[in-house]
């Protein structure tokens, strides 16, 4: 009788091993995708192109370009606002790319995160 019981467990164990292998592959694929997105760049402009920010998928600001024709010493506040807007929009684009990629792996499941 014990022999039959062990045989039944072995069958279920094989199924669990397949699930573990699938989960490991999924994890490897997710890490690869994350690394690829971290290497991508995302740019955004503000003020009609007066300020352009470029970030990477690691959410690091790589470059900031300011059109010299838009510089107005009397309105530094406007320039500051455009810089903030461009950087934030570029960061949102990077976040959206990561979120979209993760959505493909989770199939829309919500894990309470």
Protein backbone atom coordinates (compact mmCIF):
# COMPACT_ATOMS: atom_id res chain seq x y z
CA UNK A 1 0.00 0.00 0.00
CA UNK A 2 2.84 2.39 0.74
CA UNK A 3 4.27 1.62 -2.69
CA UNK A 4 1.15 2.92 -4.45
CA UNK A 5 1.18 6.06 -2.32
CA UNK A 6 4.78 6.87 -3.22
CA UNK A 7 4.04 6.28 -6.88
CA UNK A 8 1.22 8.82 -6.75
CA UNK A 9 3.47 11.42 -5.18
CA UNK A 10 6.11 10.91 -7.83
CA UNK A 11 3.61 11.81 -10.57
CA UNK A 12 2.59 15.00 -8.82
CA UNK A 13 6.23 15.84 -8.13
CA UNK A 14 6.99 15.68 -11.86
CA UNK A 15 4.19 18.13 -12.53
CA UNK A 16 5.58 20.46 -9.86
CA UNK A 17 9.03 20.30 -11.45
CA UNK A 18 7.55 21.43 -14.79
CA UNK A 19 5.85 24.33 -13.05
CA UNK A 20 9.10 25.26 -11.32
CA UNK A 21 11.00 25.14 -14.61
CA UNK A 22 8.36 27.31 -16.27
CA UNK A 23 8.51 29.81 -13.41
CA UNK A 24 12.32 29.91 -13.61
CA UNK A 25 12.20 30.53 -17.36
CA UNK A 26 9.62 33.26 -16.85
CA UNK A 27 11.83 34.87 -14.22
CA UNK A 28 14.85 34.75 -16.55
CA UNK A 29 12.80 36.25 -19.38
CA UNK A 30 11.55 39.02 -17.09
CA UNK A 31 15.09 39.85 -15.94
CA UNK A 32 16.28 39.94 -19.56
CA UNK A 33 13.40 42.23 -20.53
CA UNK A 34 14.08 44.49 -17.56
CA UNK A 35 17.76 44.77 -18.50
CA UNK A 36 16.80 45.63 -22.09
CA UNK A 37 14.45 48.38 -20.95
CA UNK A 38 17.07 49.76 -18.57
CA UNK A 39 19.37 50.25 -21.57
CA UNK A 40 16.73 52.07 -23.63
CA UNK A 41 16.44 55.84 -23.67
CA UNK A 42 13.28 57.89 -23.41
CA UNK A 43 13.01 61.54 -24.30
CA UNK A 44 10.42 64.22 -23.82
CA UNK A 45 10.21 67.90 -24.66
CA UNK A 46 8.47 70.83 -23.02
CA UNK A 47 7.78 74.39 -24.08
CA UNK A 48 7.34 73.44 -27.71
CA UNK A 49 10.77 71.81 -27.82
CA UNK A 50 12.56 74.52 -25.84
CA UNK A 51 13.68 71.91 -23.31
CA UNK A 52 14.38 68.25 -24.06
CA UNK A 53 15.20 65.64 -21.42
CA UNK A 54 16.56 62.16 -22.06
CA UNK A 55 16.42 59.43 -19.41
CA UNK A 56 17.20 55.74 -19.44
CA UNK A 57 15.16 52.81 -18.17
CA UNK A 58 17.05 53.01 -14.88
CA UNK A 59 15.32 56.39 -14.41
CA UNK A 60 18.57 58.34 -14.69
CA UNK A 61 18.70 61.70 -16.42
CA UNK A 62 21.20 61.30 -19.28
CA UNK A 63 20.95 64.66 -20.95
CA UNK A 64 19.11 67.94 -20.85
CA UNK A 65 19.05 70.30 -23.81
CA UNK A 66 17.86 73.88 -23.63
CA UNK A 67 17.32 75.92 -26.76
CA UNK A 68 19.36 79.11 -26.17
CA UNK A 69 16.79 81.15 -28.06
CA UNK A 70 14.28 80.47 -25.31
CA UNK A 71 16.43 81.78 -22.49
CA UNK A 72 14.91 84.84 -20.91
CA UNK A 73 16.86 86.16 -17.92
CA UNK A 74 13.68 87.86 -16.77
CA UNK A 75 11.74 84.57 -16.61
CA UNK A 76 13.97 81.92 -15.04
CA UNK A 77 10.92 80.39 -13.39
CA UNK A 78 9.43 79.44 -16.77
CA UNK A 79 12.65 77.68 -17.75
CA UNK A 80 12.70 75.80 -14.46
CA UNK A 81 9.11 74.68 -15.00
CA UNK A 82 9.92 73.48 -18.52
CA UNK A 83 12.90 71.48 -17.23
CA UNK A 84 10.79 69.81 -14.56
CA UNK A 85 8.02 69.05 -17.06
CA UNK A 86 10.39 67.52 -19.63
CA UNK A 87 12.21 65.37 -17.07
CA UNK A 88 8.97 64.15 -15.49
CA UNK A 89 7.47 63.28 -18.87
CA UNK A 90 10.58 61.33 -19.91
CA UNK A 91 10.49 59.44 -16.60
CA UNK A 92 6.80 58.65 -17.13
CA UNK A 93 7.65 57.22 -20.56
CA UNK A 94 10.31 54.96 -19.01
CA UNK A 95 7.88 53.81 -16.32
CA UNK A 96 5.18 53.12 -18.91
CA UNK A 97 7.58 50.99 -20.97
CA UNK A 98 8.48 48.92 -17.91
CA UNK A 99 4.85 48.61 -16.87
CA UNK A 100 3.77 47.53 -20.37
CA UNK A 101 6.51 44.91 -20.51
CA UNK A 102 5.58 43.54 -17.09
CA UNK A 103 1.94 43.41 -18.14
CA UNK A 104 2.91 40.99 -20.92
CA UNK A 105 4.45 38.62 -18.38
CA UNK A 106 1.72 38.78 -15.80
CA UNK A 107 -1.13 38.70 -18.29
CA UNK A 108 -2.94 41.42 -16.38
CA UNK A 109 -2.86 39.55 -13.06
CA UNK A 110 -2.86 41.77 -10.03
CA UNK A 111 -0.61 40.47 -7.29
CA UNK A 112 -1.60 43.19 -4.88
CA UNK A 113 1.50 45.25 -5.64
